């Protein structure tokens, strides 16, 4: 059960980090949400619309030494396909103080997407 009425309550109470992105077939990896010291990014939902199919994949993961992968648009997803990854109202936490990145296996896929997320302070910064 969520503390707030719906997912937007978390983004309002904490710091909203939601964003939109577009990738052409020639573009590669992209940092979607930049981390903050002593904060954790919680991803609530990722919606992707693929406009150009190719034999590549897109994964959504943090930039930790051993990345935490939270979602993947599989290889050859098809033209004009929609991918919806819903992690609930609270969302899935990334590794503390790590970015959310779009990892492109190779150039080829094109599309756009939206990420619904927030930053939550999870550690006390040293004075």
C-alpha atoms as a PDB file:
ATOM      1  CA  UNK A   1       0.000   0.000   0.000  1.00  0.00           C
ATOM      2  CA  UNK A   2       1.288   3.421  -0.956  1.00  0.00           C
ATOM      3  CA  UNK A   3       1.696   6.277   1.489  1.00  0.00           C
ATOM      4  CA  UNK A   4       0.302   8.671  -1.119  1.00  0.00           C
ATOM      5  CA  UNK A   5      -2.978   8.546  -3.059  1.00  0.00           C
ATOM      6  CA  UNK A   6      -1.132   7.698  -6.302  1.00  0.00           C
ATOM      7  CA  UNK A   7       2.317   7.661  -7.902  1.00  0.00           C
ATOM      8  CA  UNK A   8       2.333  11.425  -8.537  1.00  0.00           C
ATOM      9  CA  UNK A   9       2.271  12.014  -4.761  1.00  0.00           C
ATOM     10  CA  UNK A  10       5.810  10.642  -4.466  1.00  0.00           C
ATOM     11  CA  UNK A  11       7.017  12.910  -7.267  1.00  0.00           C
ATOM     12  CA  UNK A  12       5.374  15.900  -5.566  1.00  0.00           C
ATOM     13  CA  UNK A  13       6.609  15.156  -2.028  1.00  0.00           C
ATOM     14  CA  UNK A  14      10.156  14.233  -3.084  1.00  0.00           C
ATOM     15  CA  UNK A  15      11.964  15.865  -6.026  1.00  0.00           C
ATOM     16  CA  UNK A  16      10.395  15.041  -9.378  1.00  0.00           C
ATOM     17  CA  UNK A  17      12.965  13.734 -11.867  1.00  0.00           C
ATOM     18  CA  UNK A  18      10.597  12.759 -14.683  1.00  0.00           C
ATOM     19  CA  UNK A  19      11.746  13.374 -18.238  1.00  0.00           C
ATOM     20  CA  UNK A  20      11.188  12.638 -21.929  1.00  0.00           C
ATOM     21  CA  UNK A  21      13.695  11.533 -24.546  1.00  0.00           C
ATOM     22  CA  UNK A  22      13.988  10.907 -28.277  1.00  0.00           C
ATOM     23  CA  UNK A  23      16.623   8.767 -30.005  1.00  0.00           C
ATOM     24  CA  UNK A  24      17.342   8.524 -33.715  1.00  0.00           C
ATOM     25  CA  UNK A  25      18.679   5.347 -35.304  1.00  0.00           C
ATOM     26  CA  UNK A  26      22.207   6.819 -35.357  1.00  0.00           C
ATOM     27  CA  UNK A  27      22.377   7.755 -31.657  1.00  0.00           C
ATOM     28  CA  UNK A  28      23.880   5.733 -28.825  1.00  0.00           C
ATOM     29  CA  UNK A  29      23.783   5.670 -25.018  1.00  0.00           C
ATOM     30  CA  UNK A  30      22.155   8.490 -23.068  1.00  0.00           C
ATOM     31  CA  UNK A  31      22.104   9.600 -19.425  1.00  0.00           C
ATOM     32  CA  UNK A  32      18.406  10.018 -18.713  1.00  0.00           C
ATOM     33  CA  UNK A  33      18.462  11.239 -15.093  1.00  0.00           C
ATOM     34  CA  UNK A  34      21.571  12.575 -13.384  1.00  0.00           C
ATOM     35  CA  UNK A  35      22.215  11.372  -9.833  1.00  0.00           C
ATOM     36  CA  UNK A  36      22.544  13.556  -6.765  1.00  0.00           C
ATOM     37  CA  UNK A  37      24.866  12.943  -3.831  1.00  0.00           C
ATOM     38  CA  UNK A  38      23.106  11.195  -0.925  1.00  0.00           C
ATOM     39  CA  UNK A  39      19.987  10.590  -3.030  1.00  0.00           C
ATOM     40  CA  UNK A  40      18.481   7.552  -4.722  1.00  0.00           C
ATOM     41  CA  UNK A  41      16.508   7.689  -7.955  1.00  0.00           C
ATOM     42  CA  UNK A  42      13.214   5.789  -7.776  1.00  0.00           C
ATOM     43  CA  UNK A  43      11.807   4.896 -11.206  1.00  0.00           C
ATOM     44  CA  UNK A  44       8.044   4.438 -11.221  1.00  0.00           C
ATOM     45  CA  UNK A  45       7.314   3.936 -14.882  1.00  0.00           C
ATOM     46  CA  UNK A  46       9.025   3.907 -18.273  1.00  0.00           C
ATOM     47  CA  UNK A  47       6.973   4.166 -21.468  1.00  0.00           C
ATOM     48  CA  UNK A  48       8.767   3.686 -24.801  1.00  0.00           C
ATOM     49  CA  UNK A  49       7.452   3.926 -28.346  1.00  0.00           C
ATOM     50  CA  UNK A  50       9.705   2.386 -31.019  1.00  0.00           C
ATOM     51  CA  UNK A  51       9.395   4.072 -34.409  1.00  0.00           C
ATOM     52  CA  UNK A  52      12.202   2.265 -36.273  1.00  0.00           C
ATOM     53  CA  UNK A  53      12.899  -1.428 -35.722  1.00  0.00           C
ATOM     54  CA  UNK A  54      16.391  -2.944 -35.821  1.00  0.00           C
ATOM     55  CA  UNK A  55      18.257  -5.933 -34.410  1.00  0.00           C
ATOM     56  CA  UNK A  56      19.326  -3.956 -31.339  1.00  0.00           C
ATOM     57  CA  UNK A  57      17.990  -3.496 -27.812  1.00  0.00           C
ATOM     58  CA  UNK A  58      17.616  -0.687 -25.293  1.00  0.00           C
ATOM     59  CA  UNK A  59      18.178  -1.329 -21.592  1.00  0.00           C
ATOM     60  CA  UNK A  60      17.468   0.999 -18.709  1.00  0.00           C
ATOM     61  CA  UNK A  61      20.027   0.706 -15.907  1.00  0.00           C
ATOM     62  CA  UNK A  62      22.061   2.656 -13.404  1.00  0.00           C
ATOM     63  CA  UNK A  63      25.733   3.503 -13.955  1.00  0.00           C
ATOM     64  CA  UNK A  64      27.064   1.464 -11.050  1.00  0.00           C
ATOM     65  CA  UNK A  65      30.194  -0.667 -11.636  1.00  0.00           C
ATOM     66  CA  UNK A  66      27.820  -3.636 -11.840  1.00  0.00           C
ATOM     67  CA  UNK A  67      24.756  -1.929 -13.325  1.00  0.00           C
ATOM     68  CA  UNK A  68      21.292  -2.589 -11.960  1.00  0.00           C
ATOM     69  CA  UNK A  69      19.132  -3.243 -15.033  1.00  0.00           C
ATOM     70  CA  UNK A  70      15.463  -2.446 -14.427  1.00  0.00           C
ATOM     71  CA  UNK A  71      13.952  -2.773 -17.925  1.00  0.00           C
ATOM     72  CA  UNK A  72      14.816  -3.763 -21.484  1.00  0.00           C
ATOM     73  CA  UNK A  73      13.278  -3.293 -24.906  1.00  0.00           C
ATOM     74  CA  UNK A  74      14.330  -6.555 -26.531  1.00  0.00           C
ATOM     75  CA  UNK A  75      16.184  -7.053 -29.801  1.00  0.00           C
ATOM     76  CA  UNK A  76      14.033  -6.448 -32.901  1.00  0.00           C
ATOM     77  CA  UNK A  77      11.029  -5.088 -30.974  1.00  0.00           C
ATOM     78  CA  UNK A  78       9.058  -4.220 -34.135  1.00  0.00           C
ATOM     79  CA  UNK A  79       7.997  -0.975 -35.798  1.00  0.00           C
ATOM     80  CA  UNK A  80       5.383   1.165 -34.099  1.00  0.00           C
ATOM     81  CA  UNK A  81       5.441  -0.818 -30.840  1.00  0.00           C
ATOM     82  CA  UNK A  82       4.757   0.488 -27.341  1.00  0.00           C
ATOM     83  CA  UNK A  83       6.602  -0.793 -24.254  1.00  0.00           C
ATOM     84  CA  UNK A  84       5.290   0.026 -20.780  1.00  0.00           C
ATOM     85  CA  UNK A  85       7.285  -0.837 -17.651  1.00  0.00           C
ATOM     86  CA  UNK A  86       5.296  -0.039 -14.482  1.00  0.00           C
ATOM     87  CA  UNK A  87       7.092  -0.400 -11.141  1.00  0.00           C
ATOM     88  CA  UNK A  88       4.194   0.662  -8.912  1.00  0.00           C
ATOM     89  CA  UNK A  89       3.581   3.860  -6.990  1.00  0.00           C
ATOM     90  CA  UNK A  90       6.786   3.703  -4.929  1.00  0.00           C
ATOM     91  CA  UNK A  91       8.944   2.611  -7.869  1.00  0.00           C
ATOM     92  CA  UNK A  92      12.157   0.635  -8.097  1.00  0.00           C
ATOM     93  CA  UNK A  93      15.243   2.200  -6.461  1.00  0.00           C
ATOM     94  CA  UNK A  94      18.514   2.459  -8.343  1.00  0.00           C
ATOM     95  CA  UNK A  95      21.878   2.283  -6.602  1.00  0.00           C
ATOM     96  CA  UNK A  96      22.336   5.342  -4.380  1.00  0.00           C
ATOM     97  CA  UNK A  97      23.948   8.344  -6.111  1.00  0.00           C
ATOM     98  CA  UNK A  98      23.937   6.647  -9.545  1.00  0.00           C
ATOM     99  CA  UNK A  99      22.479   7.948 -12.832  1.00  0.00           C
ATOM    100  CA  UNK A 100      19.704   6.313 -14.823  1.00  0.00           C
ATOM    101  CA  UNK A 101      21.031   5.522 -18.287  1.00  0.00           C
ATOM    102  CA  UNK A 102      19.662   4.278 -21.573  1.00  0.00           C
ATOM    103  CA  UNK A 103      22.140   1.664 -22.768  1.00  0.00           C
ATOM    104  CA  UNK A 104      21.875   1.143 -26.530  1.00  0.00           C
ATOM    105  CA  UNK A 105      23.326  -2.184 -27.702  1.00  0.00           C
ATOM    106  CA  UNK A 106      24.236  -0.620 -31.084  1.00  0.00           C
ATOM    107  CA  UNK A 107      22.868   2.073 -33.377  1.00  0.00           C
ATOM    108  CA  UNK A 108      19.694   1.158 -35.241  1.00  0.00           C
ATOM    109  CA  UNK A 109      16.599   1.530 -33.066  1.00  0.00           C
ATOM    110  CA  UNK A 110      14.732   4.831 -33.035  1.00  0.00           C
ATOM    111  CA  UNK A 111      11.924   6.047 -30.839  1.00  0.00           C
ATOM    112  CA  UNK A 112      10.925   8.172 -27.912  1.00  0.00           C
ATOM    113  CA  UNK A 113       9.949   7.659 -24.318  1.00  0.00           C
ATOM    114  CA  UNK A 114       8.965   9.036 -20.955  1.00  0.00           C
ATOM    115  CA  UNK A 115      10.412   8.216 -17.560  1.00  0.00           C
ATOM    116  CA  UNK A 116       8.446   8.904 -14.379  1.00  0.00           C
ATOM    117  CA  UNK A 117      10.822   9.085 -11.413  1.00  0.00           C
ATOM    118  CA  UNK A 118      11.869  11.020  -8.337  1.00  0.00           C
ATOM    119  CA  UNK A 119      14.971  11.716  -6.229  1.00  0.00           C
ATOM    120  CA  UNK A 120      14.725  10.708  -2.556  1.00  0.00           C
ATOM    121  CA  UNK A 121      17.352  11.588   0.043  1.00  0.00           C
ATOM    122  CA  UNK A 122      18.612   8.262   1.396  1.00  0.00           C
ATOM    123  CA  UNK A 123      21.841   9.202   3.196  1.00  0.00           C
ATOM    124  CA  UNK A 124      23.040  11.985   5.415  1.00  0.00           C
ATOM    125  CA  UNK A 125      25.759  14.063   3.766  1.00  0.00           C
ATOM    126  CA  UNK A 126      28.964  14.617   5.741  1.00  0.00           C
ATOM    127  CA  UNK A 127      29.356  18.109   7.181  1.00  0.00           C
END
